[in-house]
Amino acid sequence: MKKLAITMMALTLSVSALAEKIGFVNSQEAFSKYSQTKVIQENLNKEKNRLENEIKQKEVALQKSQLELQSKGNKLTDKEKQDFQKQVEAFQKFVRDSQTKLSKEEYTRMQEIEKTMNSAIDSVAKAGKYDYILEAGAVKFGGTDVTADVIKAMEKIKK
């Protein structure tokens, strides 16, 4: 009987040693509720609007040049045609460069948020002694929702 009790106690301890603490985070919620996300999106929108206005102004100037050239009709020289073509190419390059610049800026800012989120998840995992923190969509049953803790940690980390 005593052997059976010791065996049962050893079995219980080994099963509890295998139990792992699992948390989950809704990263989309954390991203959207993080205060810096809104600030970054507002700044990107301002820059996008500024570039759009600049592109419109350049486009209007280009259209004006085109109308002036068309009004010359047959009196249009090859040099004027070439100059206009250079203006069109410069405008197209400006549009491409502006879009590329804005895309790179957005990517860089989103990477900063992702880095902050990953650091926050790591600190929450260590503080809560979690063995695993998974994406919320991957957990169907069990685990602890640490999304709110991750958002708080992100706010503490922000620059």
Protein backbone atom coordinates (compact mmCIF):
# COMPACT_ATOMS: atom_id res chain seq x y z
CA MET A 1 0.00 0.00 0.00
CA LYS A 2 2.81 2.36 0.91
CA LYS A 3 4.53 1.58 -2.42
CA LEU A 4 1.30 2.37 -4.28
CA ALA A 5 0.97 5.75 -2.55
CA ILE A 6 4.57 6.66 -3.36
CA THR A 7 4.10 5.57 -6.98
CA MET A 8 0.88 7.66 -7.29
CA MET A 9 2.58 10.68 -5.73
CA ALA A 10 5.56 10.37 -8.12
CA LEU A 11 3.17 10.04 -11.08
CA THR A 12 1.24 13.14 -10.03
CA LEU A 13 4.42 15.18 -9.66
CA SER A 14 5.72 14.10 -13.07
CA VAL A 15 2.41 15.01 -14.78
CA SER A 16 2.35 18.45 -13.15
CA ALA A 17 5.96 19.00 -14.19
CA LEU A 18 4.87 18.49 -17.80
CA ALA A 19 2.12 21.11 -17.59
CA GLU A 20 3.16 24.22 -19.46
CA LYS A 21 1.87 27.74 -19.09
CA ILE A 22 0.46 29.03 -22.37
CA GLY A 23 -0.66 32.55 -23.19
CA PHE A 24 -2.05 34.06 -26.34
CA VAL A 25 -2.03 37.54 -27.82
CA ASN A 26 -4.23 39.13 -30.46
CA SER A 27 -1.49 40.98 -32.30
CA GLN A 28 -3.92 42.89 -34.54
CA GLU A 29 -5.70 44.25 -31.47
CA ALA A 30 -2.39 45.13 -29.83
CA PHE A 31 -1.25 46.86 -33.02
CA SER A 32 -4.45 48.88 -33.39
CA LYS A 33 -4.67 49.88 -29.70
CA TYR A 34 -1.03 50.89 -29.41
CA SER A 35 -0.92 54.70 -29.19
CA GLN A 36 2.06 55.07 -31.52
CA THR A 37 0.22 53.25 -34.31
CA LYS A 38 -2.25 56.10 -34.64
CA VAL A 39 0.50 58.73 -34.48
CA ILE A 40 2.52 56.96 -37.17
CA GLN A 41 -0.52 56.51 -39.40
CA GLU A 42 -1.43 60.20 -39.04
CA ASN A 43 2.12 61.24 -39.94
CA LEU A 44 2.16 58.91 -42.94
CA ASN A 45 -1.21 60.27 -44.10
CA LYS A 46 0.09 63.85 -43.79
CA GLU A 47 3.13 62.97 -45.87
CA LYS A 48 0.96 61.16 -48.41
CA ASN A 49 -1.36 64.18 -48.73
CA ARG A 50 1.63 66.52 -49.08
CA LEU A 51 3.09 64.38 -51.85
CA GLU A 52 -0.29 64.08 -53.60
CA ASN A 53 -0.64 67.87 -53.58
CA GLU A 54 2.86 68.30 -54.94
CA ILE A 55 2.16 65.73 -57.67
CA LYS A 56 -1.07 67.52 -58.62
CA GLN A 57 0.74 70.85 -58.85
CA LYS A 58 3.44 69.36 -61.06
CA GLU A 59 0.79 67.65 -63.18
CA VAL A 60 -1.09 70.92 -63.68
CA ALA A 61 2.14 72.65 -64.70
CA LEU A 62 2.88 69.83 -67.12
CA GLN A 63 -0.60 70.06 -68.64
CA LYS A 64 -0.17 73.80 -69.01
CA SER A 65 3.12 73.25 -70.85
CA GLN A 66 1.41 70.69 -73.07
CA LEU A 67 -1.36 73.14 -74.00
CA GLU A 68 1.20 75.84 -74.80
CA LEU A 69 3.05 73.44 -77.06
CA GLN A 70 -0.13 72.31 -78.77
CA SER A 71 -1.11 75.91 -79.44
CA LYS A 72 2.11 76.37 -81.44
CA GLY A 73 0.95 73.70 -83.86
CA ASN A 74 3.39 73.32 -86.78
CA LYS A 75 5.74 75.95 -85.34
CA LEU A 76 6.81 73.47 -82.62
CA THR A 77 10.55 72.74 -82.74
CA ASP A 78 12.22 69.41 -82.07
CA LYS A 79 14.01 70.96 -79.09
CA GLU A 80 10.68 71.98 -77.54
CA LYS A 81 9.36 68.45 -78.07
CA GLN A 82 12.45 66.97 -76.44
CA ASP A 83 12.27 69.40 -73.53
CA PHE A 84 8.63 68.50 -72.95
CA GLN A 85 9.46 64.79 -73.10
CA LYS A 86 12.15 65.37 -70.45
CA GLN A 87 9.59 67.16 -68.28
CA VAL A 88 7.19 64.20 -68.63
CA GLU A 89 9.94 61.74 -67.71
CA ALA A 90 11.02 63.85 -64.73
CA PHE A 91 7.40 63.98 -63.55
CA GLN A 92 7.01 60.21 -63.88
CA LYS A 93 10.27 59.69 -61.98
CA PHE A 94 9.10 62.04 -59.24
CA VAL A 95 5.84 60.10 -58.87
CA ARG A 96 7.68 56.75 -58.70
CA ASP A 97 10.27 58.06 -56.25
CA SER A 98 7.56 59.58 -54.06
CA GLN A 99 5.62 56.33 -53.92
CA THR A 100 8.79 54.36 -53.16
CA LYS A 101 9.81 56.79 -50.43
CA LEU A 102 6.38 56.62 -48.81
CA SER A 103 6.30 52.82 -48.99
CA LYS A 104 9.76 52.54 -47.42
CA GLU A 105 8.79 54.95 -44.66
CA GLU A 106 5.62 52.99 -43.93
CA TYR A 107 7.54 49.70 -43.88
CA THR A 108 10.17 51.13 -41.53
CA ARG A 109 7.55 52.49 -39.11
CA MET A 110 5.58 49.23 -39.10
CA GLN A 111 8.80 47.33 -38.41
CA GLU A 112 9.40 49.59 -35.41
CA ILE A 113 5.95 48.76 -34.06
CA GLU A 114 6.50 45.05 -34.67
CA LYS A 115 9.84 45.21 -32.85
CA THR A 116 8.17 46.98 -29.92
CA MET A 117 5.40 44.37 -29.87
CA ASN A 118 7.86 41.49 -29.92
CA SER A 119 9.81 43.05 -27.04
CA ALA A 120 6.57 43.54 -25.12
CA ILE A 121 5.51 39.93 -25.71
CA ASP A 122 8.91 38.76 -24.53
CA SER A 123 8.72 40.83 -21.34
CA VAL A 124 5.15 39.66 -20.63
CA ALA A 125 6.22 36.06 -21.17
CA LYS A 126 9.13 36.41 -18.76
CA ALA A 127 7.15 38.33 -16.14
CA GLY A 128 4.25 35.87 -16.28
CA LYS A 129 6.55 32.85 -16.57
CA TYR A 130 4.81 31.68 -19.74
CA ASP A 131 6.35 28.80 -21.63
CA TYR A 132 4.62 29.83 -24.85
CA ILE A 133 2.77 32.85 -26.14
CA LEU A 134 0.87 32.13 -29.33
CA GLU A 135 -1.20 34.19 -31.74
CA ALA A 136 -4.83 34.29 -30.54
CA GLY A 137 -6.13 32.69 -33.73
CA ALA A 138 -3.95 29.62 -33.13
CA VAL A 139 -5.55 28.86 -29.76
CA LYS A 140 -8.96 27.24 -29.81
CA PHE A 141 -9.14 26.26 -26.14
CA GLY A 142 -7.21 27.13 -23.02
CA GLY A 143 -4.38 29.52 -22.45
CA THR A 144 -4.45 33.00 -20.98
CA ASP A 145 -5.19 36.12 -23.00
CA VAL A 146 -2.23 38.46 -22.45
CA THR A 147 -3.18 41.03 -25.09
CA ALA A 148 -3.93 43.78 -22.56
CA ASP A 149 -0.63 43.12 -20.80
CA VAL A 150 1.23 43.28 -24.10
CA ILE A 151 -0.40 46.65 -24.95
CA LYS A 152 0.62 48.02 -21.51
CA ALA A 153 4.16 46.76 -22.04
CA MET A 154 4.27 48.33 -25.51
CA GLU A 155 3.25 51.69 -24.05
CA LYS A 156 6.07 51.43 -21.48
CA ILE A 157 8.61 50.55 -24.17
CA LYS A 158 7.64 53.31 -26.65
CA LYS A 159 10.24 55.94 -27.26
